[in-house]
Amino acid sequence: MAEFKLESSEKHDEKRKELLGKVLDLKELVQYQDGTVASRMIINRKSGSITLFSFDADEGLSEHTAPFDAVVTILDGECEVWVEGATYQMKPGDTIIFPANVPHALSAVTRFKMSLTMIRE
């Protein structure tokens, strides 16, 4: 499973401003990178964030928990998702909500892209 870092908030504020007030094709805002997971944060606020991810084939995120609810929508490709022991096959347009503090993981079936919306309290 790949390690990844989210973009620095201050460094990329200008890039995010370029997206405001425009019609966006989310899957075009993050590119695939061979052998790894890439990310691009497009919104980052105290109340929550939206981050786009691309996963190369055979990449994924190992089981973990998060302190906030998270909404994942598949933009391209296919993946397998595990939430508290249940397994789901996901394709473009599918959305799942990872409840706060519940173990979850995901793995690429093919290269895939997703949008992750974190809702903070």
PDB file of N, CA and C in Angstrom:
ATOM      1  N   MET A   1       0.830  -1.168   0.000  1.00  0.00           N
ATOM      2  CA  MET A   1       0.000   0.000   0.000  1.00  0.00           C
ATOM      3  C   MET A   1       0.884   1.245   0.000  1.00  0.00           C
ATOM      4  N   ALA A   2       0.488   2.236  -0.739  1.00  0.00           N
ATOM      5  CA  ALA A   2       1.318   3.432  -0.913  1.00  0.00           C
ATOM      6  C   ALA A   2       1.168   4.397   0.255  1.00  0.00           C
ATOM      7  N   GLU A   3       2.221   5.098   0.509  1.00  0.00           N
ATOM      8  CA  GLU A   3       2.195   6.224   1.432  1.00  0.00           C
ATOM      9  C   GLU A   3       1.899   7.460   0.602  1.00  0.00           C
ATOM     10  N   PHE A   4       1.218   8.425   1.165  1.00  0.00           N
ATOM     11  CA  PHE A   4       0.968   9.656   0.434  1.00  0.00           C
ATOM     12  C   PHE A   4       0.933  10.822   1.395  1.00  0.00           C
ATOM     13  N   LYS A   5       1.196  11.997   0.849  1.00  0.00           N
ATOM     14  CA  LYS A   5       1.133  13.220   1.639  1.00  0.00           C
ATOM     15  C   LYS A   5       0.140  14.156   0.976  1.00  0.00           C
ATOM     16  N   LEU A   6      -0.675  14.798   1.767  1.00  0.00           N
ATOM     17  CA  LEU A   6      -1.561  15.825   1.241  1.00  0.00           C
ATOM     18  C   LEU A   6      -0.752  17.092   1.013  1.00  0.00           C
ATOM     19  N   GLU A   7      -1.171  17.872   0.057  1.00  0.00           N
ATOM     20  CA  GLU A   7      -0.468  19.112  -0.257  1.00  0.00           C
ATOM     21  C   GLU A   7      -0.483  20.061   0.925  1.00  0.00           C
ATOM     22  N   SER A   8       0.568  20.842   1.077  1.00  0.00           N
ATOM     23  CA  SER A   8       0.634  21.870   2.107  1.00  0.00           C
ATOM     24  C   SER A   8      -0.436  22.913   1.839  1.00  0.00           C
ATOM     25  N   SER A   9      -1.187  23.274   2.860  1.00  0.00           N
ATOM     26  CA  SER A   9      -2.292  24.219   2.711  1.00  0.00           C
ATOM     27  C   SER A   9      -1.838  25.576   2.191  1.00  0.00           C
ATOM     28  N   GLU A  10      -0.829  26.140   2.812  1.00  0.00           N
ATOM     29  CA  GLU A  10      -0.375  27.476   2.410  1.00  0.00           C
ATOM     30  C   GLU A  10       0.192  27.479   0.993  1.00  0.00           C
ATOM     31  N   LYS A  11       0.972  26.478   0.677  1.00  0.00           N
ATOM     32  CA  LYS A  11       1.652  26.416  -0.619  1.00  0.00           C
ATOM     33  C   LYS A  11       0.678  26.367  -1.792  1.00  0.00           C
ATOM     34  N   HIS A  12      -0.461  25.756  -1.575  1.00  0.00           N
ATOM     35  CA  HIS A  12      -1.360  25.527  -2.700  1.00  0.00           C
ATOM     36  C   HIS A  12      -2.637  26.357  -2.671  1.00  0.00           C
ATOM     37  N   ASP A  13      -2.731  27.350  -1.786  1.00  0.00           N
ATOM     38  CA  ASP A  13      -3.915  28.204  -1.745  1.00  0.00           C
ATOM     39  C   ASP A  13      -4.171  28.875  -3.091  1.00  0.00           C
ATOM     40  N   GLU A  14      -3.135  29.350  -3.737  1.00  0.00           N
ATOM     41  CA  GLU A  14      -3.299  30.027  -5.028  1.00  0.00           C
ATOM     42  C   GLU A  14      -3.844  29.072  -6.091  1.00  0.00           C
ATOM     43  N   LYS A  15      -3.354  27.841  -6.106  1.00  0.00           N
ATOM     44  CA  LYS A  15      -3.840  26.853  -7.070  1.00  0.00           C
ATOM     45  C   LYS A  15      -5.328  26.578  -6.853  1.00  0.00           C
ATOM     46  N   ARG A  16      -5.738  26.505  -5.583  1.00  0.00           N
ATOM     47  CA  ARG A  16      -7.153  26.254  -5.295  1.00  0.00           C
ATOM     48  C   ARG A  16      -8.007  27.440  -5.706  1.00  0.00           C
ATOM     49  N   LYS A  17      -7.518  28.655  -5.541  1.00  0.00           N
ATOM     50  CA  LYS A  17      -8.282  29.845  -5.944  1.00  0.00           C
ATOM     51  C   LYS A  17      -8.592  29.835  -7.432  1.00  0.00           C
ATOM     52  N   GLU A  18      -7.704  29.267  -8.238  1.00  0.00           N
ATOM     53  CA  GLU A  18      -7.919  29.193  -9.685  1.00  0.00           C
ATOM     54  C   GLU A  18      -9.151  28.364 -10.042  1.00  0.00           C
ATOM     55  N   LEU A  19      -9.603  27.511  -9.134  1.00  0.00           N
ATOM     56  CA  LEU A  19     -10.736  26.618  -9.393  1.00  0.00           C
ATOM     57  C   LEU A  19     -12.085  27.259  -9.062  1.00  0.00           C
ATOM     58  N   LEU A  20     -12.075  28.313  -8.274  1.00  0.00           N
ATOM     59  CA  LEU A  20     -13.319  28.915  -7.800  1.00  0.00           C
ATOM     60  C   LEU A  20     -14.138  29.506  -8.935  1.00  0.00           C
ATOM     61  N   GLY A  21     -15.443  29.287  -8.887  1.00  0.00           N
ATOM     62  CA  GLY A  21     -16.365  29.881  -9.845  1.00  0.00           C
ATOM     63  C   GLY A  21     -16.282  29.297 -11.232  1.00  0.00           C
ATOM     64  N   LYS A  22     -15.712  28.096 -11.375  1.00  0.00           N
ATOM     65  CA  LYS A  22     -15.569  27.458 -12.685  1.00  0.00           C
ATOM     66  C   LYS A  22     -16.236  26.094 -12.675  1.00  0.00           C
ATOM     67  N   VAL A  23     -16.680  25.657 -13.848  1.00  0.00           N
ATOM     68  CA  VAL A  23     -17.195  24.302 -14.002  1.00  0.00           C
ATOM     69  C   VAL A  23     -15.987  23.372 -14.074  1.00  0.00           C
ATOM     70  N   LEU A  24     -15.983  22.336 -13.247  1.00  0.00           N
ATOM     71  CA  LEU A  24     -14.830  21.457 -13.138  1.00  0.00           C
ATOM     72  C   LEU A  24     -15.175  20.018 -13.501  1.00  0.00           C
ATOM     73  N   ASP A  25     -14.256  19.343 -14.144  1.00  0.00           N
ATOM     74  CA  ASP A  25     -14.324  17.895 -14.340  1.00  0.00           C
ATOM     75  C   ASP A  25     -13.330  17.321 -13.339  1.00  0.00           C
ATOM     76  N   LEU A  26     -13.822  16.877 -12.193  1.00  0.00           N
ATOM     77  CA  LEU A  26     -12.955  16.503 -11.079  1.00  0.00           C
ATOM     78  C   LEU A  26     -11.911  15.466 -11.460  1.00  0.00           C
ATOM     79  N   LYS A  27     -12.284  14.505 -12.285  1.00  0.00           N
ATOM     80  CA  LYS A  27     -11.312  13.451 -12.600  1.00  0.00           C
ATOM     81  C   LYS A  27     -10.135  13.967 -13.417  1.00  0.00           C
ATOM     82  N   GLU A  28     -10.267  15.149 -14.014  1.00  0.00           N
ATOM     83  CA  GLU A  28      -9.163  15.721 -14.784  1.00  0.00           C
ATOM     84  C   GLU A  28      -8.215  16.557 -13.919  1.00  0.00           C
ATOM     85  N   LEU A  29      -8.574  16.779 -12.659  1.00  0.00           N
ATOM     86  CA  LEU A  29      -7.761  17.628 -11.783  1.00  0.00           C
ATOM     87  C   LEU A  29      -6.649  16.879 -11.052  1.00  0.00           C
ATOM     88  N   VAL A  30      -6.641  15.561 -11.128  1.00  0.00           N
ATOM     89  CA  VAL A  30      -5.561  14.761 -10.542  1.00  0.00           C
ATOM     90  C   VAL A  30      -5.180  13.707 -11.582  1.00  0.00           C
ATOM     91  N   GLN A  31      -3.872  13.533 -11.773  1.00  0.00           N
ATOM     92  CA  GLN A  31      -3.380  12.618 -12.803  1.00  0.00           C
ATOM     93  C   GLN A  31      -2.852  11.331 -12.174  1.00  0.00           C
ATOM     94  N   TYR A  32      -2.910  10.252 -12.942  1.00  0.00           N
ATOM     95  CA  TYR A  32      -2.317   8.998 -12.500  1.00  0.00           C
ATOM     96  C   TYR A  32      -0.800   9.131 -12.495  1.00  0.00           C
ATOM     97  N   GLN A  33      -0.176   8.470 -11.521  1.00  0.00           N
ATOM     98  CA  GLN A  33       1.287   8.389 -11.453  1.00  0.00           C
ATOM     99  C   GLN A  33       1.642   6.930 -11.233  1.00  0.00           C
ATOM    100  N   ASP A  34       2.539   6.421 -12.068  1.00  0.00           N
ATOM    101  CA  ASP A  34       2.913   5.014 -12.011  1.00  0.00           C
ATOM    102  C   ASP A  34       3.390   4.607 -10.624  1.00  0.00           C
ATOM    103  N   GLY A  35       2.812   3.508 -10.120  1.00  0.00           N
ATOM    104  CA  GLY A  35       3.278   2.896  -8.893  1.00  0.00           C
ATOM    105  C   GLY A  35       2.979   3.627  -7.609  1.00  0.00           C
ATOM    106  N   THR A  36       2.036   4.586  -7.637  1.00  0.00           N
ATOM    107  CA  THR A  36       1.808   5.359  -6.417  1.00  0.00           C
ATOM    108  C   THR A  36       0.387   5.915  -6.354  1.00  0.00           C
ATOM    109  N   VAL A  37       0.137   6.631  -5.278  1.00  0.00           N
ATOM    110  CA  VAL A  37      -1.123   7.346  -5.055  1.00  0.00           C
ATOM    111  C   VAL A  37      -0.801   8.832  -5.141  1.00  0.00           C
ATOM    112  N   ALA A  38      -1.583   9.571  -5.920  1.00  0.00           N
ATOM    113  CA  ALA A  38      -1.408  11.026  -6.015  1.00  0.00           C
ATOM    114  C   ALA A  38      -2.650  11.693  -5.436  1.00  0.00           C
ATOM    115  N   SER A  39      -2.482  12.904  -4.918  1.00  0.00           N
ATOM    116  CA  SER A  39      -3.622  13.624  -4.359  1.00  0.00           C
ATOM    117  C   SER A  39      -3.565  15.091  -4.713  1.00  0.00           C
ATOM    118  N   ARG A  40      -4.746  15.711  -4.689  1.00  0.00           N
ATOM    119  CA  ARG A  40      -4.859  17.153  -4.887  1.00  0.00           C
ATOM    120  C   ARG A  40      -6.022  17.660  -4.044  1.00  0.00           C
ATOM    121  N   MET A  41      -5.716  18.481  -3.050  1.00  0.00           N
ATOM    122  CA  MET A  41      -6.752  19.070  -2.214  1.00  0.00           C
ATOM    123  C   MET A  41      -7.335  20.264  -2.957  1.00  0.00           C
ATOM    124  N   ILE A  42      -8.667  20.298  -3.089  1.00  0.00           N
ATOM    125  CA  ILE A  42      -9.281  21.419  -3.813  1.00  0.00           C
ATOM    126  C   ILE A  42     -10.045  22.362  -2.892  1.00  0.00           C
ATOM    127  N   ILE A  43     -10.417  21.879  -1.699  1.00  0.00           N
ATOM    128  CA  ILE A  43     -11.038  22.723  -0.678  1.00  0.00           C
ATOM    129  C   ILE A  43     -10.447  22.309   0.662  1.00  0.00           C
ATOM    130  N   ASN A  44     -10.081  23.286   1.479  1.00  0.00           N
ATOM    131  CA  ASN A  44      -9.569  22.984   2.814  1.00  0.00           C
ATOM    132  C   ASN A  44     -10.055  24.069   3.773  1.00  0.00           C
ATOM    133  N   ARG A  45     -11.037  23.715   4.588  1.00  0.00           N
ATOM    134  CA  ARG A  45     -11.617  24.634   5.553  1.00  0.00           C
ATOM    135  C   ARG A  45     -11.669  23.963   6.923  1.00  0.00           C
ATOM    136  N   LYS A  46     -11.890  24.754   7.972  1.00  0.00           N
ATOM    137  CA  LYS A  46     -12.038  24.182   9.307  1.00  0.00           C
ATOM    138  C   LYS A  46     -13.190  23.189   9.357  1.00  0.00           C
ATOM    139  N   SER A  47     -14.236  23.437   8.579  1.00  0.00           N
ATOM    140  CA  SER A  47     -15.417  22.583   8.592  1.00  0.00           C
ATOM    141  C   SER A  47     -15.255  21.312   7.773  1.00  0.00           C
ATOM    142  N   GLY A  48     -14.258  21.273   6.889  1.00  0.00           N
ATOM    143  CA  GLY A  48     -14.045  20.071   6.093  1.00  0.00           C
ATOM    144  C   GLY A  48     -13.148  20.322   4.902  1.00  0.00           C
ATOM    145  N   SER A  49     -12.915  19.261   4.151  1.00  0.00           N
ATOM    146  CA  SER A  49     -12.043  19.362   2.982  1.00  0.00           C
ATOM    147  C   SER A  49     -12.534  18.438   1.879  1.00  0.00           C
ATOM    148  N   ILE A  50     -12.102  18.755   0.653  1.00  0.00           N
ATOM    149  CA  ILE A  50     -12.338  17.888  -0.501  1.00  0.00           C
ATOM    150  C   ILE A  50     -10.978  17.640  -1.136  1.00  0.00           C
ATOM    151  N   THR A  51     -10.633  16.359  -1.251  1.00  0.00           N
ATOM    152  CA  THR A  51      -9.363  15.968  -1.836  1.00  0.00           C
ATOM    153  C   THR A  51      -9.624  14.943  -2.928  1.00  0.00           C
ATOM    154  N   LEU A  52      -8.945  15.109  -4.055  1.00  0.00           N
ATOM    155  CA  LEU A  52      -9.021  14.160  -5.157  1.00  0.00           C
ATOM    156  C   LEU A  52      -7.811  13.249  -5.098  1.00  0.00           C
ATOM    157  N   PHE A  53      -8.015  11.974  -5.376  1.00  0.00           N
ATOM    158  CA  PHE A  53      -6.939  10.996  -5.359  1.00  0.00           C
ATOM    159  C   PHE A  53      -6.931  10.204  -6.654  1.00  0.00           C
ATOM    160  N   SER A  54      -5.743   9.803  -7.086  1.00  0.00           N
ATOM    161  CA  SER A  54      -5.602   8.811  -8.152  1.00  0.00           C
ATOM    162  C   SER A  54      -4.746   7.682  -7.602  1.00  0.00           C
ATOM    163  N   PHE A  55      -5.163   6.467  -7.877  1.00  0.00           N
ATOM    164  CA  PHE A  55      -4.461   5.275  -7.418  1.00  0.00           C
ATOM    165  C   PHE A  55      -4.043   4.467  -8.638  1.00  0.00           C
ATOM    166  N   ASP A  56      -2.770   4.118  -8.714  1.00  0.00           N
ATOM    167  CA  ASP A  56      -2.323   3.226  -9.769  1.00  0.00           C
ATOM    168  C   ASP A  56      -2.831   1.823  -9.432  1.00  0.00           C
ATOM    169  N   ALA A  57      -2.813   0.921 -10.423  1.00  0.00           N
ATOM    170  CA  ALA A  57      -3.225  -0.465 -10.191  1.00  0.00           C
ATOM    171  C   ALA A  57      -2.418  -1.046  -9.043  1.00  0.00           C
ATOM    172  N   ASP A  58      -3.056  -1.874  -8.245  1.00  0.00           N
ATOM    173  CA  ASP A  58      -2.442  -2.551  -7.098  1.00  0.00           C
ATOM    174  C   ASP A  58      -2.084  -1.625  -5.943  1.00  0.00           C
ATOM    175  N   GLU A  59      -2.522  -0.379  -5.980  1.00  0.00           N
ATOM    176  CA  GLU A  59      -2.301   0.544  -4.863  1.00  0.00           C
ATOM    177  C   GLU A  59      -3.570   0.617  -4.019  1.00  0.00           C
ATOM    178  N   GLY A  60      -3.480   1.191  -2.850  1.00  0.00           N
ATOM    179  CA  GLY A  60      -4.648   1.335  -2.000  1.00  0.00           C
ATOM    180  C   GLY A  60      -4.280   1.991  -0.689  1.00  0.00           C
ATOM    181  N   LEU A  61      -5.218   1.998   0.225  1.00  0.00           N
ATOM    182  CA  LEU A  61      -5.003   2.503   1.580  1.00  0.00           C
ATOM    183  C   LEU A  61      -5.324   1.373   2.540  1.00  0.00           C
ATOM    184  N   SER A  62      -4.387   1.053   3.428  1.00  0.00           N
ATOM    185  CA  SER A  62      -4.602  -0.019   4.384  1.00  0.00           C
ATOM    186  C   SER A  62      -5.667   0.380   5.399  1.00  0.00           C
ATOM    187  N   GLU A  63      -6.164  -0.612   6.114  1.00  0.00           N
ATOM    188  CA  GLU A  63      -7.240  -0.364   7.072  1.00  0.00           C
ATOM    189  C   GLU A  63      -6.819   0.687   8.097  1.00  0.00           C
ATOM    190  N   HIS A  64      -7.729   1.629   8.327  1.00  0.00           N
ATOM    191  CA  HIS A  64      -7.490   2.713   9.273  1.00  0.00           C
ATOM    192  C   HIS A  64      -8.837   3.273   9.711  1.00  0.00           C
ATOM    193  N   THR A  65      -8.812   4.193  10.650  1.00  0.00           N
ATOM    194  CA  THR A  65     -10.010   4.922  11.050  1.00  0.00           C
ATOM    195  C   THR A  65      -9.715   6.409  10.922  1.00  0.00           C
ATOM    196  N   ALA A  66     -10.770   7.192  10.892  1.00  0.00           N
ATOM    197  CA  ALA A  66     -10.647   8.648  10.872  1.00  0.00           C
ATOM    198  C   ALA A  66     -11.639   9.209  11.891  1.00  0.00           C
ATOM    199  N   PRO A  67     -11.314  10.341  12.486  1.00  0.00           N
ATOM    200  CA  PRO A  67     -12.194  10.888  13.522  1.00  0.00           C
ATOM    201  C   PRO A  67     -13.436  11.599  12.971  1.00  0.00           C
ATOM    202  N   PHE A  68     -13.555  11.665  11.639  1.00  0.00           N
ATOM    203  CA  PHE A  68     -14.672  12.374  11.016  1.00  0.00           C
ATOM    204  C   PHE A  68     -15.342  11.490   9.970  1.00  0.00           C
ATOM    205  N   ASP A  69     -16.617  11.762   9.671  1.00  0.00           N
ATOM    206  CA  ASP A  69     -17.277  11.100   8.547  1.00  0.00           C
ATOM    207  C   ASP A  69     -16.569  11.495   7.259  1.00  0.00           C
ATOM    208  N   ALA A  70     -16.514  10.562   6.315  1.00  0.00           N
ATOM    209  CA  ALA A  70     -15.879  10.824   5.026  1.00  0.00           C
ATOM    210  C   ALA A  70     -16.766  10.276   3.918  1.00  0.00           C
ATOM    211  N   VAL A  71     -16.941  11.058   2.870  1.00  0.00           N
ATOM    212  CA  VAL A  71     -17.739  10.649   1.718  1.00  0.00           C
ATOM    213  C   VAL A  71     -16.788  10.419   0.553  1.00  0.00           C
ATOM    214  N   VAL A  72     -16.807   9.205  -0.005  1.00  0.00           N
ATOM    215  CA  VAL A  72     -15.955   8.853  -1.132  1.00  0.00           C
ATOM    216  C   VAL A  72     -16.832   8.614  -2.352  1.00  0.00           C
ATOM    217  N   THR A  73     -16.495   9.282  -3.463  1.00  0.00           N
ATOM    218  CA  THR A  73     -17.169   9.074  -4.745  1.00  0.00           C
ATOM    219  C   THR A  73     -16.124   8.657  -5.772  1.00  0.00           C
ATOM    220  N   ILE A  74     -16.391   7.569  -6.470  1.00  0.00           N
ATOM    221  CA  ILE A  74     -15.467   7.078  -7.496  1.00  0.00           C
ATOM    222  C   ILE A  74     -15.690   7.882  -8.770  1.00  0.00           C
ATOM    223  N   LEU A  75     -14.591   8.406  -9.325  1.00  0.00           N
ATOM    224  CA  LEU A  75     -14.641   9.251 -10.525  1.00  0.00           C
ATOM    225  C   LEU A  75     -14.233   8.500 -11.781  1.00  0.00           C
ATOM    226  N   ASP A  76     -13.355   7.505 -11.638  1.00  0.00           N
ATOM    227  CA  ASP A  76     -12.810   6.782 -12.792  1.00  0.00           C
ATOM    228  C   ASP A  76     -12.279   5.440 -12.297  1.00  0.00           C
ATOM    229  N   GLY A  77     -12.384   4.398 -13.097  1.00  0.00           N
ATOM    230  CA  GLY A  77     -11.840   3.094 -12.736  1.00  0.00           C
ATOM    231  C   GLY A  77     -12.683   2.375 -11.709  1.00  0.00           C
ATOM    232  N   GLU A  78     -12.093   1.331 -11.112  1.00  0.00           N
ATOM    233  CA  GLU A  78     -12.812   0.511 -10.145  1.00  0.00           C
ATOM    234  C   GLU A  78     -11.936   0.194  -8.947  1.00  0.00           C
ATOM    235  N   CYS A  79     -12.589   0.068  -7.784  1.00  0.00           N
ATOM    236  CA  CYS A  79     -11.873  -0.289  -6.568  1.00  0.00           C
ATOM    237  C   CYS A  79     -12.738  -1.190  -5.701  1.00  0.00           C
ATOM    238  N   GLU A  80     -12.083  -1.747  -4.700  1.00  0.00           N
ATOM    239  CA  GLU A  80     -12.771  -2.546  -3.701  1.00  0.00           C
ATOM    240  C   GLU A  80     -12.617  -1.819  -2.381  1.00  0.00           C
ATOM    241  N   VAL A  81     -13.711  -1.733  -1.634  1.00  0.00           N
ATOM    242  CA  VAL A  81     -13.736  -0.997  -0.375  1.00  0.00           C
ATOM    243  C   VAL A  81     -14.182  -1.945   0.730  1.00  0.00           C
ATOM    244  N   TRP A  82     -13.540  -1.807   1.893  1.00  0.00           N
ATOM    245  CA  TRP A  82     -13.936  -2.560   3.073  1.00  0.00           C
ATOM    246  C   TRP A  82     -14.343  -1.566   4.151  1.00  0.00           C
ATOM    247  N   VAL A  83     -15.515  -1.807   4.727  1.00  0.00           N
ATOM    248  CA  VAL A  83     -15.984  -0.978   5.832  1.00  0.00           C
ATOM    249  C   VAL A  83     -16.465  -1.920   6.930  1.00  0.00           C
ATOM    250  N   GLU A  84     -15.746  -1.899   8.037  1.00  0.00           N
ATOM    251  CA  GLU A  84     -16.122  -2.697   9.203  1.00  0.00           C
ATOM    252  C   GLU A  84     -16.471  -4.139   8.831  1.00  0.00           C
ATOM    253  N   GLY A  85     -15.613  -4.749   7.993  1.00  0.00           N
ATOM    254  CA  GLY A  85     -15.778  -6.154   7.639  1.00  0.00           C
ATOM    255  C   GLY A  85     -16.590  -6.429   6.384  1.00  0.00           C
ATOM    256  N   ALA A  86     -17.347  -5.467   5.879  1.00  0.00           N
ATOM    257  CA  ALA A  86     -18.126  -5.659   4.651  1.00  0.00           C
ATOM    258  C   ALA A  86     -17.300  -5.184   3.447  1.00  0.00           C
ATOM    259  N   THR A  87     -17.419  -5.894   2.316  1.00  0.00           N
ATOM    260  CA  THR A  87     -16.662  -5.574   1.108  1.00  0.00           C
ATOM    261  C   THR A  87     -17.615  -5.104   0.021  1.00  0.00           C
ATOM    262  N   TYR A  88     -17.211  -4.041  -0.693  1.00  0.00           N
ATOM    263  CA  TYR A  88     -18.022  -3.469  -1.771  1.00  0.00           C
ATOM    264  C   TYR A  88     -17.148  -3.239  -3.000  1.00  0.00           C
ATOM    265  N   GLN A  89     -17.693  -3.558  -4.163  1.00  0.00           N
ATOM    266  CA  GLN A  89     -17.050  -3.240  -5.435  1.00  0.00           C
ATOM    267  C   GLN A  89     -17.613  -1.899  -5.888  1.00  0.00           C
ATOM    268  N   MET A  90     -16.735  -0.956  -6.241  1.00  0.00           N
ATOM    269  CA  MET A  90     -17.199   0.376  -6.616  1.00  0.00           C
ATOM    270  C   MET A  90     -16.708   0.755  -7.998  1.00  0.00           C
ATOM    271  N   LYS A  91     -17.554   1.509  -8.715  1.00  0.00           N
ATOM    272  CA  LYS A  91     -17.262   1.962 -10.075  1.00  0.00           C
ATOM    273  C   LYS A  91     -17.623   3.439 -10.193  1.00  0.00           C
ATOM    274  N   PRO A  92     -17.296   4.084 -11.308  1.00  0.00           N
ATOM    275  CA  PRO A  92     -17.592   5.520 -11.436  1.00  0.00           C
ATOM    276  C   PRO A  92     -19.047   5.858 -11.122  1.00  0.00           C
ATOM    277  N   GLY A  93     -19.212   6.888 -10.306  1.00  0.00           N
ATOM    278  CA  GLY A  93     -20.538   7.340  -9.895  1.00  0.00           C
ATOM    279  C   GLY A  93     -20.980   6.781  -8.557  1.00  0.00           C
ATOM    280  N   ASP A  94     -20.338   5.695  -8.103  1.00  0.00           N
ATOM    281  CA  ASP A  94     -20.693   5.116  -6.809  1.00  0.00           C
ATOM    282  C   ASP A  94     -20.134   5.974  -5.676  1.00  0.00           C
ATOM    283  N   THR A  95     -20.909   6.070  -4.603  1.00  0.00           N
ATOM    284  CA  THR A  95     -20.513   6.842  -3.424  1.00  0.00           C
ATOM    285  C   THR A  95     -20.727   5.995  -2.184  1.00  0.00           C
ATOM    286  N   ILE A  96     -19.813   6.134  -1.221  1.00  0.00           N
ATOM    287  CA  ILE A  96     -19.949   5.452   0.060  1.00  0.00           C
ATOM    288  C   ILE A  96     -19.565   6.431   1.160  1.00  0.00           C
ATOM    289  N   ILE A  97     -20.208   6.289   2.313  1.00  0.00           N
ATOM    290  CA  ILE A  97     -19.875   7.123   3.468  1.00  0.00           C
ATOM    291  C   ILE A  97     -19.145   6.252   4.483  1.00  0.00           C
ATOM    292  N   PHE A  98     -17.920   6.661   4.827  1.00  0.00           N
ATOM    293  CA  PHE A  98     -17.166   6.000   5.881  1.00  0.00           C
ATOM    294  C   PHE A  98     -17.515   6.707   7.189  1.00  0.00           C
ATOM    295  N   PRO A  99     -18.181   6.010   8.112  1.00  0.00           N
ATOM    296  CA  PRO A  99     -18.527   6.650   9.376  1.00  0.00           C
ATOM    297  C   PRO A  99     -17.272   6.941  10.209  1.00  0.00           C
ATOM    298  N   ALA A 100     -17.333   7.988  10.995  1.00  0.00           N
ATOM    299  CA  ALA A 100     -16.235   8.335  11.889  1.00  0.00           C
ATOM    300  C   ALA A 100     -15.905   7.158  12.795  1.00  0.00           C
ATOM    301  N   ASN A 101     -14.606   6.939  13.016  1.00  0.00           N
ATOM    302  CA  ASN A 101     -14.097   5.940  13.953  1.00  0.00           C
ATOM    303  C   ASN A 101     -14.420   4.498  13.599  1.00  0.00           C
ATOM    304  N   VAL A 102     -14.800   4.232  12.345  1.00  0.00           N
ATOM    305  CA  VAL A 102     -15.091   2.871  11.884  1.00  0.00           C
ATOM    306  C   VAL A 102     -13.967   2.440  10.945  1.00  0.00           C
ATOM    307  N   PRO A 103     -13.384   1.249  11.157  1.00  0.00           N
ATOM    308  CA  PRO A 103     -12.297   0.789  10.290  1.00  0.00           C
ATOM    309  C   PRO A 103     -12.743   0.664   8.829  1.00  0.00           C
ATOM    310  N   HIS A 104     -11.878   1.141   7.929  1.00  0.00           N
ATOM    311  CA  HIS A 104     -12.149   1.046   6.497  1.00  0.00           C
ATOM    312  C   HIS A 104     -10.831   1.002   5.734  1.00  0.00           C
ATOM    313  N   ALA A 105     -10.892   0.512   4.494  1.00  0.00           N
ATOM    314  CA  ALA A 105      -9.716   0.409   3.627  1.00  0.00           C
ATOM    315  C   ALA A 105     -10.210   0.374   2.198  1.00  0.00           C
ATOM    316  N   LEU A 106      -9.287   0.561   1.248  1.00  0.00           N
ATOM    317  CA  LEU A 106      -9.654   0.424  -0.159  1.00  0.00           C
ATOM    318  C   LEU A 106      -8.448  -0.009  -0.972  1.00  0.00           C
ATOM    319  N   SER A 107      -8.743  -0.636  -2.115  1.00  0.00           N
ATOM    320  CA  SER A 107      -7.697  -1.169  -2.971  1.00  0.00           C
ATOM    321  C   SER A 107      -8.138  -1.064  -4.428  1.00  0.00           C
ATOM    322  N   ALA A 108      -7.201  -0.718  -5.297  1.00  0.00           N
ATOM    323  CA  ALA A 108      -7.496  -0.583  -6.721  1.00  0.00           C
ATOM    324  C   ALA A 108      -7.753  -1.953  -7.345  1.00  0.00           C
ATOM    325  N   VAL A 109      -8.848  -2.070  -8.092  1.00  0.00           N
ATOM    326  CA  VAL A 109      -9.086  -3.216  -8.958  1.00  0.00           C
ATOM    327  C   VAL A 109      -8.442  -2.893 -10.303  1.00  0.00           C
ATOM    328  N   THR A 110      -8.668  -1.646 -10.758  1.00  0.00           N
ATOM    329  CA  THR A 110      -7.966  -1.050 -11.891  1.00  0.00           C
ATOM    330  C   THR A 110      -7.436   0.286 -11.380  1.00  0.00           C
ATOM    331  N   ARG A 111      -6.681   0.999 -12.201  1.00  0.00           N
ATOM    332  CA  ARG A 111      -6.367   2.371 -11.816  1.00  0.00           C
ATOM    333  C   ARG A 111      -7.692   3.047 -11.514  1.00  0.00           C
ATOM    334  N   PHE A 112      -7.733   3.893 -10.477  1.00  0.00           N
ATOM    335  CA  PHE A 112      -8.987   4.598 -10.218  1.00  0.00           C
ATOM    336  C   PHE A 112      -8.721   5.954  -9.590  1.00  0.00           C
ATOM    337  N   LYS A 113      -9.733   6.818  -9.721  1.00  0.00           N
ATOM    338  CA  LYS A 113      -9.705   8.146  -9.119  1.00  0.00           C
ATOM    339  C   LYS A 113     -10.934   8.299  -8.246  1.00  0.00           C
ATOM    340  N   MET A 114     -10.763   9.056  -7.157  1.00  0.00           N
ATOM    341  CA  MET A 114     -11.888   9.270  -6.247  1.00  0.00           C
ATOM    342  C   MET A 114     -11.827  10.666  -5.658  1.00  0.00           C
ATOM    343  N   SER A 115     -12.977  11.101  -5.208  1.00  0.00           N
ATOM    344  CA  SER A 115     -13.104  12.344  -4.457  1.00  0.00           C
ATOM    345  C   SER A 115     -13.388  11.959  -3.009  1.00  0.00           C
ATOM    346  N   LEU A 116     -12.667  12.587  -2.075  1.00  0.00           N
ATOM    347  CA  LEU A 116     -12.860  12.340  -0.648  1.00  0.00           C
ATOM    348  C   LEU A 116     -13.293  13.640   0.000  1.00  0.00           C
ATOM    349  N   THR A 117     -14.495  13.646   0.573  1.00  0.00           N
ATOM    350  CA  THR A 117     -15.005  14.808   1.292  1.00  0.00           C
ATOM    351  C   THR A 117     -15.017  14.472   2.774  1.00  0.00           C
ATOM    352  N   MET A 118     -14.222  15.209   3.532  1.00  0.00           N
ATOM    353  CA  MET A 118     -14.171  15.027   4.990  1.00  0.00           C
ATOM    354  C   MET A 118     -15.042  16.086   5.629  1.00  0.00           C
ATOM    355  N   ILE A 119     -15.918  15.652   6.522  1.00  0.00           N
ATOM    356  CA  ILE A 119     -16.782  16.575   7.254  1.00  0.00           C
ATOM    357  C   ILE A 119     -16.299  16.596   8.697  1.00  0.00           C
ATOM    358  N   ARG A 120     -15.833  17.743   9.141  1.00  0.00           N
ATOM    359  CA  ARG A 120     -15.335  17.864  10.514  1.00  0.00           C
ATOM    360  C   ARG A 120     -16.395  18.514  11.390  1.00  0.00           C
ATOM    361  N   GLU A 121     -16.311  18.253  12.685  1.00  0.00           N
ATOM    362  CA  GLU A 121     -17.260  18.870  13.617  1.00  0.00           C
ATOM    363  C   GLU A 121     -16.634  20.074  14.266  1.00  0.00           C
TER     364      GLU A 121
END
